Amino acid sequence: MRFATYRLGDIERSGVVADGRVHPFPRNVDLRAVVTLGPEAALRLGAEALDASDGVALDAVRLRPPLTPASIRDFVAFEEHVEGVRRSVDGAGGVPDAWYEAPTFYFTNPHTLHGPGDDVAFPARCADRDFELEVAVVLGGGGTSLTAAQARDAVFGYTVFNDWSARDLQRREMRVGLGPAKGKDFATTIGPWIVTADELEPHRDADGFLDLWCTASVNGVEVGRDLLSNMGWTFESLVAYASRDSRVEAGDVLASGTVGNGGCLAELWGRRGRTDPPPLRDGDEVTLTVQGIGSLTNRVTAAAPAPDLPPVRRRDPAAARLSGAAPLSGPAR
């Protein structure tokens, strides 16, 4: 099944998408609560919604982000992306040895989510605007230090994920050695709905990867195409690693990282040694499509300039500020 959140007039509802229509759940039932029920109960609820009404035509509603996640982790599971973007962001070549040791991720902002058709405002200071074509799992269960088999059982479904990136801001931030912050957290798009895991099982290959075509286009011109099965780690491995010595919960969203072969512009910039295709500009429309899931289209805009920060206080790191501090006591006797 396909579960969506939508707005009709001033009312926001969630429901099941089928045959070009959305069939609502009872009022005040949001999709996060449905996901938390787990796949079996959610499918029963979906069947009840299909039987209860004729629904509303999809073109009469405004699709919203399917759910507000408990948290969002974004991995980097494609070697081709790592290799190309490293050249673009920090000038380094190749794939770091550490990439092969464990699936790496960062946390991004669940409070700046966008849905299909929304305008996405980049920071005013950003010139190198970019998209990132990804697929994310939505968890219907959780736990600590899960095995890969347990992690597979925890997957509720899948959605398309666009990790918008301010590359020039990211380039500066990552020189500090922590990772992206303001280069990423201004916007993420997910949707157009959540496709339950059972629908995509026929696409699973012998190694456990989902063999789905993923494409990206800008203003109707395709710039990237790759198979999701080119991931280095399965989604079950990503979920299991996220849970290691920690905890994942129902409602968490975990993204694959950007596909290769043009899954973002920065990969192409790194490979070609020039900004070709050019960075996104105001009015550009980006469409990401994943076989078996659906498409996301968003228009790029610019945010109003943010206020300046006070300047940094510079000092010698070796010169501890001890004036007025109590003297260190000697050893206890």
C-alpha atoms as a PDB file:
ATOM      1  CA  MET A   1       0.000   0.000   0.000  1.00  0.00           C
ATOM      2  CA  ARG A   2       0.878   3.655  -0.322  1.00  0.00           C
ATOM      3  CA  PHE A   3       0.233   5.889   2.678  1.00  0.00           C
ATOM      4  CA  ALA A   4       0.168   9.676   2.290  1.00  0.00           C
ATOM      5  CA  THR A   5      -0.494  12.865   4.225  1.00  0.00           C
ATOM      6  CA  TYR A   6      -2.390  15.555   2.351  1.00  0.00           C
ATOM      7  CA  ARG A   7      -4.123  18.890   2.740  1.00  0.00           C
ATOM      8  CA  LEU A   8      -7.609  19.543   1.392  1.00  0.00           C
ATOM      9  CA  GLY A   9      -8.571  23.152   1.990  1.00  0.00           C
ATOM     10  CA  ASP A  10      -7.586  23.930   5.567  1.00  0.00           C
ATOM     11  CA  ILE A  11      -7.781  20.323   6.728  1.00  0.00           C
ATOM     12  CA  GLU A  12      -4.809  17.961   6.906  1.00  0.00           C
ATOM     13  CA  ARG A  13      -5.502  14.223   6.775  1.00  0.00           C
ATOM     14  CA  SER A  14      -3.649  10.997   6.108  1.00  0.00           C
ATOM     15  CA  GLY A  15      -4.837   8.050   4.088  1.00  0.00           C
ATOM     16  CA  VAL A  16      -4.232   5.369   1.454  1.00  0.00           C
ATOM     17  CA  VAL A  17      -3.418   6.179  -2.166  1.00  0.00           C
ATOM     18  CA  ALA A  18      -4.887   3.893  -4.827  1.00  0.00           C
ATOM     19  CA  ASP A  19      -5.893   4.382  -8.475  1.00  0.00           C
ATOM     20  CA  GLY A  20      -5.262   8.122  -8.465  1.00  0.00           C
ATOM     21  CA  ARG A  21      -7.299   8.778  -5.318  1.00  0.00           C
ATOM     22  CA  VAL A  22      -6.558   9.121  -1.615  1.00  0.00           C
ATOM     23  CA  HIS A  23      -8.857   7.384   0.863  1.00  0.00           C
ATOM     24  CA  PRO A  24      -8.710   9.040   4.288  1.00  0.00           C
ATOM     25  CA  PHE A  25      -8.135   7.447   7.664  1.00  0.00           C
ATOM     26  CA  PRO A  26     -10.438   8.585  10.473  1.00  0.00           C
ATOM     27  CA  ARG A  27      -9.889  12.185  11.555  1.00  0.00           C
ATOM     28  CA  ASN A  28      -6.982  12.829  13.921  1.00  0.00           C
ATOM     29  CA  VAL A  29      -5.148   9.672  12.790  1.00  0.00           C
ATOM     30  CA  ASP A  30      -1.780  10.881  11.521  1.00  0.00           C
ATOM     31  CA  LEU A  31       0.631   8.763   9.536  1.00  0.00           C
ATOM     32  CA  ARG A  32       3.271   8.687  12.277  1.00  0.00           C
ATOM     33  CA  ALA A  33       0.716   6.917  14.499  1.00  0.00           C
ATOM     34  CA  VAL A  34      -0.158   4.499  11.671  1.00  0.00           C
ATOM     35  CA  VAL A  35       3.516   3.648  11.105  1.00  0.00           C
ATOM     36  CA  THR A  36       3.974   3.009  14.819  1.00  0.00           C
ATOM     37  CA  LEU A  37       1.252   0.334  14.642  1.00  0.00           C
ATOM     38  CA  GLY A  38       3.573  -1.771  12.466  1.00  0.00           C
ATOM     39  CA  PRO A  39       2.993  -3.134   8.950  1.00  0.00           C
ATOM     40  CA  GLU A  40       0.281  -5.717   9.650  1.00  0.00           C
ATOM     41  CA  ALA A  41      -1.993  -3.414  11.633  1.00  0.00           C
ATOM     42  CA  ALA A  42      -1.369  -0.557   9.201  1.00  0.00           C
ATOM     43  CA  LEU A  43      -2.348  -2.700   6.226  1.00  0.00           C
ATOM     44  CA  ARG A  44      -5.589  -3.667   7.971  1.00  0.00           C
ATOM     45  CA  LEU A  45      -6.318  -0.010   8.680  1.00  0.00           C
ATOM     46  CA  GLY A  46      -5.557   0.788   5.045  1.00  0.00           C
ATOM     47  CA  ALA A  47      -7.960  -1.858   3.798  1.00  0.00           C
ATOM     48  CA  GLU A  48     -10.670  -0.379   6.028  1.00  0.00           C
ATOM     49  CA  ALA A  49     -10.018   3.086   4.582  1.00  0.00           C
ATOM     50  CA  LEU A  50     -10.308   1.770   1.024  1.00  0.00           C
ATOM     51  CA  ASP A  51     -13.666   0.187   1.837  1.00  0.00           C
ATOM     52  CA  ALA A  52     -15.004   3.176   3.780  1.00  0.00           C
ATOM     53  CA  SER A  53     -15.113   5.815   1.040  1.00  0.00           C
ATOM     54  CA  ASP A  54     -14.542   6.579  -2.630  1.00  0.00           C
ATOM     55  CA  GLY A  55     -11.760   8.964  -1.582  1.00  0.00           C
ATOM     56  CA  VAL A  56     -10.603  12.201  -3.154  1.00  0.00           C
ATOM     57  CA  ALA A  57      -8.777  12.668  -6.462  1.00  0.00           C
ATOM     58  CA  LEU A  58      -5.054  13.178  -5.937  1.00  0.00           C
ATOM     59  CA  ASP A  59      -5.047  16.240  -8.185  1.00  0.00           C
ATOM     60  CA  ALA A  60      -7.565  17.883  -5.822  1.00  0.00           C
ATOM     61  CA  VAL A  61      -5.278  17.701  -2.758  1.00  0.00           C
ATOM     62  CA  ARG A  62      -1.851  19.046  -1.782  1.00  0.00           C
ATOM     63  CA  LEU A  63       0.496  16.271  -0.711  1.00  0.00           C
ATOM     64  CA  ARG A  64       2.520  17.016   2.419  1.00  0.00           C
ATOM     65  CA  PRO A  65       5.559  15.230   3.870  1.00  0.00           C
ATOM     66  CA  PRO A  66       4.171  11.785   4.721  1.00  0.00           C
ATOM     67  CA  LEU A  67       5.130  12.012   8.386  1.00  0.00           C
ATOM     68  CA  THR A  68       7.114  14.006  10.917  1.00  0.00           C
ATOM     69  CA  PRO A  69       9.983  11.624  11.727  1.00  0.00           C
ATOM     70  CA  ALA A  70      11.224  10.855  15.211  1.00  0.00           C
ATOM     71  CA  SER A  71      14.708  11.447  13.783  1.00  0.00           C
ATOM     72  CA  ILE A  72      16.449  11.548  10.403  1.00  0.00           C
ATOM     73  CA  ARG A  73      19.749   9.809   9.733  1.00  0.00           C
ATOM     74  CA  ASP A  74      21.371  10.208   6.316  1.00  0.00           C
ATOM     75  CA  PHE A  75      23.971   7.651   5.243  1.00  0.00           C
ATOM     76  CA  VAL A  76      26.514   7.665   2.414  1.00  0.00           C
ATOM     77  CA  ALA A  77      26.159   4.206   0.859  1.00  0.00           C
ATOM     78  CA  PHE A  78      27.342   4.741  -2.754  1.00  0.00           C
ATOM     79  CA  GLU A  79      31.053   4.674  -3.609  1.00  0.00           C
ATOM     80  CA  GLU A  80      30.571   6.654  -6.826  1.00  0.00           C
ATOM     81  CA  HIS A  81      28.991   9.515  -4.898  1.00  0.00           C
ATOM     82  CA  VAL A  82      31.750   9.542  -2.279  1.00  0.00           C
ATOM     83  CA  GLU A  83      34.474   9.615  -4.903  1.00  0.00           C
ATOM     84  CA  GLY A  84      32.950  12.416  -6.986  1.00  0.00           C
ATOM     85  CA  VAL A  85      31.800  14.644  -4.131  1.00  0.00           C
ATOM     86  CA  ARG A  86      35.130  14.402  -2.274  1.00  0.00           C
ATOM     87  CA  ARG A  87      36.836  15.925  -5.281  1.00  0.00           C
ATOM     88  CA  SER A  88      34.242  18.683  -5.392  1.00  0.00           C
ATOM     89  CA  VAL A  89      34.001  19.489  -1.675  1.00  0.00           C
ATOM     90  CA  ASP A  90      37.547  19.035  -0.353  1.00  0.00           C
ATOM     91  CA  GLY A  91      39.680  18.304  -3.419  1.00  0.00           C
ATOM     92  CA  ALA A  92      40.576  14.766  -2.261  1.00  0.00           C
ATOM     93  CA  GLY A  93      40.467  11.756  -4.552  1.00  0.00           C
ATOM     94  CA  GLY A  94      39.264   8.201  -4.111  1.00  0.00           C
ATOM     95  CA  VAL A  95      37.140   6.606  -1.396  1.00  0.00           C
ATOM     96  CA  PRO A  96      38.491   6.668   2.188  1.00  0.00           C
ATOM     97  CA  ASP A  97      39.380   3.257   3.621  1.00  0.00           C
ATOM     98  CA  ALA A  98      37.102   4.007   6.589  1.00  0.00           C
ATOM     99  CA  TRP A  99      34.091   4.026   4.253  1.00  0.00           C
ATOM    100  CA  TYR A 100      34.444   0.262   3.803  1.00  0.00           C
ATOM    101  CA  GLU A 101      34.568  -0.438   7.540  1.00  0.00           C
ATOM    102  CA  ALA A 102      31.045   0.658   8.501  1.00  0.00           C
ATOM    103  CA  PRO A 103      28.145   2.663   7.014  1.00  0.00           C
ATOM    104  CA  THR A 104      28.600   6.312   7.973  1.00  0.00           C
ATOM    105  CA  PHE A 105      25.726   8.726   8.636  1.00  0.00           C
ATOM    106  CA  TYR A 106      24.899  12.128  10.050  1.00  0.00           C
ATOM    107  CA  PHE A 107      21.731  13.446  11.704  1.00  0.00           C
ATOM    108  CA  THR A 108      19.755  16.100   9.883  1.00  0.00           C
ATOM    109  CA  ASN A 109      16.871  18.367  10.797  1.00  0.00           C
ATOM    110  CA  PRO A 110      13.323  16.891  11.154  1.00  0.00           C
ATOM    111  CA  HIS A 111      11.893  20.409  11.567  1.00  0.00           C
ATOM    112  CA  THR A 112      12.597  21.662   8.011  1.00  0.00           C
ATOM    113  CA  LEU A 113      10.758  19.035   5.980  1.00  0.00           C
ATOM    114  CA  HIS A 114       9.131  19.799   2.635  1.00  0.00           C
ATOM    115  CA  GLY A 115       6.653  17.832   0.569  1.00  0.00           C
ATOM    116  CA  PRO A 116       5.998  17.400  -3.156  1.00  0.00           C
ATOM    117  CA  GLY A 117       5.421  20.670  -4.970  1.00  0.00           C
ATOM    118  CA  ASP A 118       6.810  22.868  -2.195  1.00  0.00           C
ATOM    119  CA  ASP A 119       9.219  25.695  -2.953  1.00  0.00           C
ATOM    120  CA  VAL A 120      12.602  25.078  -1.310  1.00  0.00           C
ATOM    121  CA  ALA A 121      14.441  28.193  -0.133  1.00  0.00           C
ATOM    122  CA  PHE A 122      18.234  27.967  -0.085  1.00  0.00           C
ATOM    123  CA  PRO A 123      20.244  30.151   2.309  1.00  0.00           C
ATOM    124  CA  ALA A 124      20.757  33.612   0.826  1.00  0.00           C
ATOM    125  CA  ARG A 125      24.531  33.236   1.199  1.00  0.00           C
ATOM    126  CA  CYS A 126      24.584  30.018  -0.858  1.00  0.00           C
ATOM    127  CA  ALA A 127      25.744  30.087  -4.482  1.00  0.00           C
ATOM    128  CA  ASP A 128      26.461  26.369  -5.094  1.00  0.00           C
ATOM    129  CA  ARG A 129      22.943  24.957  -4.705  1.00  0.00           C
ATOM    130  CA  ASP A 130      22.480  21.231  -5.162  1.00  0.00           C
ATOM    131  CA  PHE A 131      19.987  18.376  -4.782  1.00  0.00           C
ATOM    132  CA  GLU A 132      20.676  14.789  -3.683  1.00  0.00           C
ATOM    133  CA  LEU A 133      18.676  11.824  -4.992  1.00  0.00           C
ATOM    134  CA  GLU A 134      18.134   9.226  -2.261  1.00  0.00           C
ATOM    135  CA  VAL A 135      15.725   6.598  -0.982  1.00  0.00           C
ATOM    136  CA  ALA A 136      14.825   6.360   2.701  1.00  0.00           C
ATOM    137  CA  VAL A 137      13.351   3.671   4.901  1.00  0.00           C
ATOM    138  CA  VAL A 138      10.692   4.509   7.469  1.00  0.00           C
ATOM    139  CA  LEU A 139      10.826   2.284  10.553  1.00  0.00           C
ATOM    140  CA  GLY A 140       7.745   0.638  12.005  1.00  0.00           C
ATOM    141  CA  GLY A 141       9.672  -0.880  14.901  1.00  0.00           C
ATOM    142  CA  GLY A 142      12.812  -0.263  16.869  1.00  0.00           C
ATOM    143  CA  GLY A 143      15.346  -1.592  19.297  1.00  0.00           C
ATOM    144  CA  THR A 144      18.974  -1.581  20.357  1.00  0.00           C
ATOM    145  CA  SER A 145      21.863  -3.388  18.627  1.00  0.00           C
ATOM    146  CA  LEU A 146      19.567  -5.128  16.153  1.00  0.00           C
ATOM    147  CA  THR A 147      20.746  -7.906  13.886  1.00  0.00           C
ATOM    148  CA  ALA A 148      20.288  -7.405  10.144  1.00  0.00           C
ATOM    149  CA  ALA A 149      17.328  -9.816  10.233  1.00  0.00           C
ATOM    150  CA  GLN A 150      15.692  -7.884  13.074  1.00  0.00           C
ATOM    151  CA  ALA A 151      16.364  -4.637  11.226  1.00  0.00           C
ATOM    152  CA  ARG A 152      14.607  -5.978   8.136  1.00  0.00           C
ATOM    153  CA  ASP A 153      11.539  -6.758  10.245  1.00  0.00           C
ATOM    154  CA  ALA A 154      11.616  -3.188  11.597  1.00  0.00           C
ATOM    155  CA  VAL A 155      11.311  -1.590   8.130  1.00  0.00           C
ATOM    156  CA  PHE A 156       7.784  -0.293   7.522  1.00  0.00           C
ATOM    157  CA  GLY A 157       8.285   1.162   4.058  1.00  0.00           C
ATOM    158  CA  TYR A 158      10.178   3.416   1.694  1.00  0.00           C
ATOM    159  CA  THR A 159       9.985   6.981   0.414  1.00  0.00           C
ATOM    160  CA  VAL A 160      11.938   9.277  -1.937  1.00  0.00           C
ATOM    161  CA  PHE A 161      14.361  11.586  -0.136  1.00  0.00           C
ATOM    162  CA  ASN A 162      15.986  14.813  -1.382  1.00  0.00           C
ATOM    163  CA  ASP A 163      18.883  15.979   0.795  1.00  0.00           C
ATOM    164  CA  TRP A 164      19.196  19.566  -0.466  1.00  0.00           C
ATOM    165  CA  SER A 165      22.781  20.806  -0.133  1.00  0.00           C
ATOM    166  CA  ALA A 166      24.393  24.235   0.041  1.00  0.00           C
ATOM    167  CA  ARG A 167      27.769  23.089  -1.250  1.00  0.00           C
ATOM    168  CA  ASP A 168      29.765  26.266  -0.616  1.00  0.00           C
ATOM    169  CA  LEU A 169      28.549  26.394   3.004  1.00  0.00           C
ATOM    170  CA  GLN A 170      29.234  22.669   3.370  1.00  0.00           C
ATOM    171  CA  ARG A 171      32.745  23.081   1.926  1.00  0.00           C
ATOM    172  CA  ARG A 172      33.643  25.661   4.578  1.00  0.00           C
ATOM    173  CA  GLU A 173      32.048  23.757   7.466  1.00  0.00           C
ATOM    174  CA  MET A 174      33.714  20.431   6.719  1.00  0.00           C
ATOM    175  CA  ARG A 175      37.161  22.002   6.967  1.00  0.00           C
ATOM    176  CA  VAL A 176      36.504  22.150  10.718  1.00  0.00           C
ATOM    177  CA  GLY A 177      36.362  18.345  10.743  1.00  0.00           C
ATOM    178  CA  LEU A 178      32.817  17.730  12.010  1.00  0.00           C
ATOM    179  CA  GLY A 179      30.634  17.438   8.930  1.00  0.00           C
ATOM    180  CA  PRO A 180      27.796  19.377   7.314  1.00  0.00           C
ATOM    181  CA  ALA A 181      25.581  21.659   9.399  1.00  0.00           C
ATOM    182  CA  LYS A 182      24.105  24.780   7.774  1.00  0.00           C
ATOM    183  CA  GLY A 183      25.077  23.261   4.443  1.00  0.00           C
ATOM    184  CA  LYS A 184      22.290  20.718   4.952  1.00  0.00           C
ATOM    185  CA  ASP A 185      19.790  21.485   7.690  1.00  0.00           C
ATOM    186  CA  PHE A 186      17.766  24.182   5.917  1.00  0.00           C
ATOM    187  CA  ALA A 187      15.615  21.726   3.910  1.00  0.00           C
ATOM    188  CA  THR A 188      14.858  18.072   3.204  1.00  0.00           C
ATOM    189  CA  THR A 189      12.056  16.811   0.961  1.00  0.00           C
ATOM    190  CA  ILE A 190      10.414  13.413   1.499  1.00  0.00           C
ATOM    191  CA  GLY A 191       7.491  11.776  -0.283  1.00  0.00           C
ATOM    192  CA  PRO A 192       5.349  11.645  -2.233  1.00  0.00           C
ATOM    193  CA  TRP A 193       4.121   8.890   0.118  1.00  0.00           C
ATOM    194  CA  ILE A 194       5.362   5.830   1.986  1.00  0.00           C
ATOM    195  CA  VAL A 195       5.298   2.587   0.009  1.00  0.00           C
ATOM    196  CA  THR A 196       5.012  -0.397   2.340  1.00  0.00           C
ATOM    197  CA  ALA A 197       7.942  -2.803   2.281  1.00  0.00           C
ATOM    198  CA  ASP A 198       5.923  -5.727   0.906  1.00  0.00           C
ATOM    199  CA  GLU A 199       5.322  -3.836  -2.382  1.00  0.00           C
ATOM    200  CA  LEU A 200       9.038  -3.648  -3.132  1.00  0.00           C
ATOM    201  CA  GLU A 201       9.996  -7.202  -2.163  1.00  0.00           C
ATOM    202  CA  PRO A 202       9.674  -8.412  -5.799  1.00  0.00           C
ATOM    203  CA  HIS A 203      12.542  -6.024  -6.651  1.00  0.00           C
ATOM    204  CA  ARG A 204      14.950  -7.494  -4.061  1.00  0.00           C
ATOM    205  CA  ASP A 205      17.971  -9.209  -5.639  1.00  0.00           C
ATOM    206  CA  ALA A 206      19.847 -12.272  -4.391  1.00  0.00           C
ATOM    207  CA  ASP A 207      22.128 -10.117  -2.207  1.00  0.00           C
ATOM    208  CA  GLY A 208      19.267  -8.314  -0.507  1.00  0.00           C
ATOM    209  CA  PHE A 209      19.461  -5.034  -2.450  1.00  0.00           C
ATOM    210  CA  LEU A 210      16.458  -3.354  -4.082  1.00  0.00           C
ATOM    211  CA  ASP A 211      16.920  -3.260  -7.854  1.00  0.00           C
ATOM    212  CA  LEU A 212      15.139   0.030  -8.620  1.00  0.00           C
ATOM    213  CA  TRP A 213      15.992   2.714 -11.170  1.00  0.00           C
ATOM    214  CA  CYS A 214      16.489   6.197  -9.720  1.00  0.00           C
ATOM    215  CA  THR A 215      16.556   9.311 -11.930  1.00  0.00           C
ATOM    216  CA  ALA A 216      17.081  13.030 -11.389  1.00  0.00           C
ATOM    217  CA  SER A 217      16.165  15.852 -13.745  1.00  0.00           C
ATOM    218  CA  VAL A 218      16.469  19.631 -13.672  1.00  0.00           C
ATOM    219  CA  ASN A 219      13.917  21.611 -15.687  1.00  0.00           C
ATOM    220  CA  GLY A 220      12.910  18.430 -17.492  1.00  0.00           C
ATOM    221  CA  VAL A 221      16.469  17.444 -18.508  1.00  0.00           C
ATOM    222  CA  GLU A 222      17.779  14.221 -16.992  1.00  0.00           C
ATOM    223  CA  VAL A 223      21.136  14.722 -15.256  1.00  0.00           C
ATOM    224  CA  GLY A 224      21.476  11.491 -13.268  1.00  0.00           C
ATOM    225  CA  ARG A 225      20.426   7.828 -13.377  1.00  0.00           C
ATOM    226  CA  ASP A 226      21.525   4.922 -11.203  1.00  0.00           C
ATOM    227  CA  LEU A 227      20.302   1.649  -9.719  1.00  0.00           C
ATOM    228  CA  LEU A 228      19.507   1.616  -6.029  1.00  0.00           C
ATOM    229  CA  SER A 229      21.076  -1.849  -5.928  1.00  0.00           C
ATOM    230  CA  ASN A 230      24.490  -0.210  -6.440  1.00  0.00           C
ATOM    231  CA  MET A 231      24.495   0.590  -2.707  1.00  0.00           C
ATOM    232  CA  GLY A 232      27.452  -0.795  -0.787  1.00  0.00           C
ATOM    233  CA  TRP A 233      25.266  -1.618   2.220  1.00  0.00           C
ATOM    234  CA  THR A 234      21.694  -2.941   2.362  1.00  0.00           C
ATOM    235  CA  PHE A 235      19.036  -0.937   4.166  1.00  0.00           C
ATOM    236  CA  GLU A 236      18.948  -3.658   6.825  1.00  0.00           C
ATOM    237  CA  SER A 237      22.656  -3.078   7.458  1.00  0.00           C
ATOM    238  CA  LEU A 238      22.082   0.677   7.751  1.00  0.00           C
ATOM    239  CA  VAL A 239      19.317   0.175  10.308  1.00  0.00           C
ATOM    240  CA  ALA A 240      21.317  -2.402  12.272  1.00  0.00           C
ATOM    241  CA  TYR A 241      24.350  -0.121  12.404  1.00  0.00           C
ATOM    242  CA  ALA A 242      22.259   2.886  13.476  1.00  0.00           C
ATOM    243  CA  SER A 243      20.896   0.805  16.362  1.00  0.00           C
ATOM    244  CA  ARG A 244      24.319  -0.447  17.489  1.00  0.00           C
ATOM    245  CA  ASP A 245      25.006   0.663  21.079  1.00  0.00           C
ATOM    246  CA  SER A 246      22.147   3.121  20.570  1.00  0.00           C
ATOM    247  CA  ARG A 247      18.447   2.929  19.740  1.00  0.00           C
ATOM    248  CA  VAL A 248      16.149   3.298  16.731  1.00  0.00           C
ATOM    249  CA  GLU A 249      12.403   3.850  17.062  1.00  0.00           C
ATOM    250  CA  ALA A 250       9.256   3.521  14.977  1.00  0.00           C
ATOM    251  CA  GLY A 251       8.936   6.705  12.939  1.00  0.00           C
ATOM    252  CA  ASP A 252      12.680   7.100  12.385  1.00  0.00           C
ATOM    253  CA  VAL A 253      13.730   7.861   8.795  1.00  0.00           C
ATOM    254  CA  LEU A 254      17.065   6.517   7.509  1.00  0.00           C
ATOM    255  CA  ALA A 255      18.223   7.593   4.041  1.00  0.00           C
ATOM    256  CA  SER A 256      20.502   5.681   1.704  1.00  0.00           C
ATOM    257  CA  GLY A 257      22.764   8.533   0.788  1.00  0.00           C
ATOM    258  CA  THR A 258      22.997   9.869  -2.737  1.00  0.00           C
ATOM    259  CA  VAL A 259      23.006   7.481  -5.679  1.00  0.00           C
ATOM    260  CA  GLY A 260      25.920   7.626  -8.096  1.00  0.00           C
ATOM    261  CA  ASN A 261      26.136   8.605 -11.758  1.00  0.00           C
ATOM    262  CA  GLY A 262      24.677  12.084 -11.338  1.00  0.00           C
ATOM    263  CA  GLY A 263      22.601  11.625  -8.212  1.00  0.00           C
ATOM    264  CA  CYS A 264      23.723  15.160  -7.365  1.00  0.00           C
ATOM    265  CA  LEU A 265      25.459  17.966  -9.209  1.00  0.00           C
ATOM    266  CA  ALA A 266      28.539  18.028  -6.951  1.00  0.00           C
ATOM    267  CA  GLU A 267      29.489  14.500  -7.995  1.00  0.00           C
ATOM    268  CA  LEU A 268      29.501  15.633 -11.633  1.00  0.00           C
ATOM    269  CA  TRP A 269      31.456  18.795 -10.742  1.00  0.00           C
ATOM    270  CA  GLY A 270      34.106  16.667  -9.049  1.00  0.00           C
ATOM    271  CA  ARG A 271      34.429  14.262 -11.948  1.00  0.00           C
ATOM    272  CA  ARG A 272      34.458  16.953 -14.648  1.00  0.00           C
ATOM    273  CA  GLY A 273      36.564  19.518 -12.816  1.00  0.00           C
ATOM    274  CA  ARG A 274      34.053  22.295 -13.510  1.00  0.00           C
ATOM    275  CA  THR A 275      30.552  23.324 -12.405  1.00  0.00           C
ATOM    276  CA  ASP A 276      28.775  21.536 -15.255  1.00  0.00           C
ATOM    277  CA  PRO A 277      25.776  21.321 -15.018  1.00  0.00           C
ATOM    278  CA  PRO A 278      25.576  24.706 -13.284  1.00  0.00           C
ATOM    279  CA  PRO A 279      24.365  25.075  -9.685  1.00  0.00           C
ATOM    280  CA  LEU A 280      20.631  25.363  -9.156  1.00  0.00           C
ATOM    281  CA  ARG A 281      19.142  28.836  -9.520  1.00  0.00           C
ATOM    282  CA  ASP A 282      15.870  30.504  -8.533  1.00  0.00           C
ATOM    283  CA  GLY A 283      12.994  28.996 -10.501  1.00  0.00           C
ATOM    284  CA  ASP A 284      14.723  25.701 -11.344  1.00  0.00           C
ATOM    285  CA  GLU A 285      12.518  22.635 -10.939  1.00  0.00           C
ATOM    286  CA  VAL A 286      14.117  19.439  -9.649  1.00  0.00           C
ATOM    287  CA  THR A 287      12.344  16.099 -10.115  1.00  0.00           C
ATOM    288  CA  LEU A 288      13.517  12.899  -8.443  1.00  0.00           C
ATOM    289  CA  THR A 289      11.883   9.627  -9.498  1.00  0.00           C
ATOM    290  CA  VAL A 290      12.354   6.170  -8.007  1.00  0.00           C
ATOM    291  CA  GLN A 291      10.888   3.110  -9.684  1.00  0.00           C
ATOM    292  CA  GLY A 292       8.150   1.526  -7.594  1.00  0.00           C
ATOM    293  CA  ILE A 293       7.883   4.520  -5.242  1.00  0.00           C
ATOM    294  CA  GLY A 294       7.109   7.733  -7.143  1.00  0.00           C
ATOM    295  CA  SER A 295       8.337  11.236  -7.941  1.00  0.00           C
ATOM    296  CA  LEU A 296       9.159  14.421  -6.053  1.00  0.00           C
ATOM    297  CA  THR A 297       9.220  17.816  -7.773  1.00  0.00           C
ATOM    298  CA  ASN A 298      10.263  21.042  -6.040  1.00  0.00           C
ATOM    299  CA  ARG A 299      11.055  24.555  -7.225  1.00  0.00           C
ATOM    300  CA  VAL A 300      14.208  26.275  -6.002  1.00  0.00           C
ATOM    301  CA  THR A 301      14.029  29.724  -4.394  1.00  0.00           C
ATOM    302  CA  ALA A 302      16.210  31.847  -2.097  1.00  0.00           C
ATOM    303  CA  ALA A 303      15.550  32.678   1.552  1.00  0.00           C
ATOM    304  CA  ALA A 304      15.756  36.222   2.872  1.00  0.00           C
ATOM    305  CA  PRO A 305      19.226  37.115   4.200  1.00  0.00           C
ATOM    306  CA  ALA A 306      19.764  35.959   7.774  1.00  0.00           C
ATOM    307  CA  PRO A 307      21.095  38.433  10.376  1.00  0.00           C
ATOM    308  CA  ASP A 308      24.854  38.576  10.847  1.00  0.00           C
ATOM    309  CA  LEU A 309      26.443  36.982  13.895  1.00  0.00           C
ATOM    310  CA  PRO A 310      28.702  38.927  16.255  1.00  0.00           C
ATOM    311  CA  PRO A 311      32.371  38.347  15.325  1.00  0.00           C
ATOM    312  CA  VAL A 312      34.262  35.478  16.904  1.00  0.00           C
ATOM    313  CA  ARG A 313      36.333  36.189  20.015  1.00  0.00           C
ATOM    314  CA  ARG A 314      39.907  35.341  19.060  1.00  0.00           C
ATOM    315  CA  ARG A 315      42.480  34.323  21.646  1.00  0.00           C
ATOM    316  CA  ASP A 316      45.508  32.099  22.048  1.00  0.00           C
ATOM    317  CA  PRO A 317      44.151  28.596  22.792  1.00  0.00           C
ATOM    318  CA  ALA A 318      47.252  27.890  24.874  1.00  0.00           C
ATOM    319  CA  ALA A 319      46.637  30.874  27.135  1.00  0.00           C
ATOM    320  CA  ALA A 320      44.119  29.638  29.701  1.00  0.00           C
ATOM    321  CA  ARG A 321      42.008  32.346  31.255  1.00  0.00           C
ATOM    322  CA  LEU A 322      42.765  31.850  34.923  1.00  0.00           C
ATOM    323  CA  SER A 323      42.265  35.351  36.279  1.00  0.00           C
ATOM    324  CA  GLY A 324      39.926  35.189  39.261  1.00  0.00           C
ATOM    325  CA  ALA A 325      39.927  31.396  39.290  1.00  0.00           C
ATOM    326  CA  ALA A 326      40.464  29.541  42.528  1.00  0.00           C
ATOM    327  CA  PRO A 327      43.933  27.953  42.806  1.00  0.00           C
ATOM    328  CA  LEU A 328      44.151  24.239  42.203  1.00  0.00           C
ATOM    329  CA  SER A 329      44.236  22.327  45.452  1.00  0.00           C
ATOM    330  CA  GLY A 330      46.962  19.847  46.175  1.00  0.00           C
ATOM    331  CA  PRO A 331      46.426  16.154  46.734  1.00  0.00           C
ATOM    332  CA  ALA A 332      44.108  15.213  49.592  1.00  0.00           C
ATOM    333  CA  ARG A 333      45.877  14.257  52.804  1.00  0.00           C
END
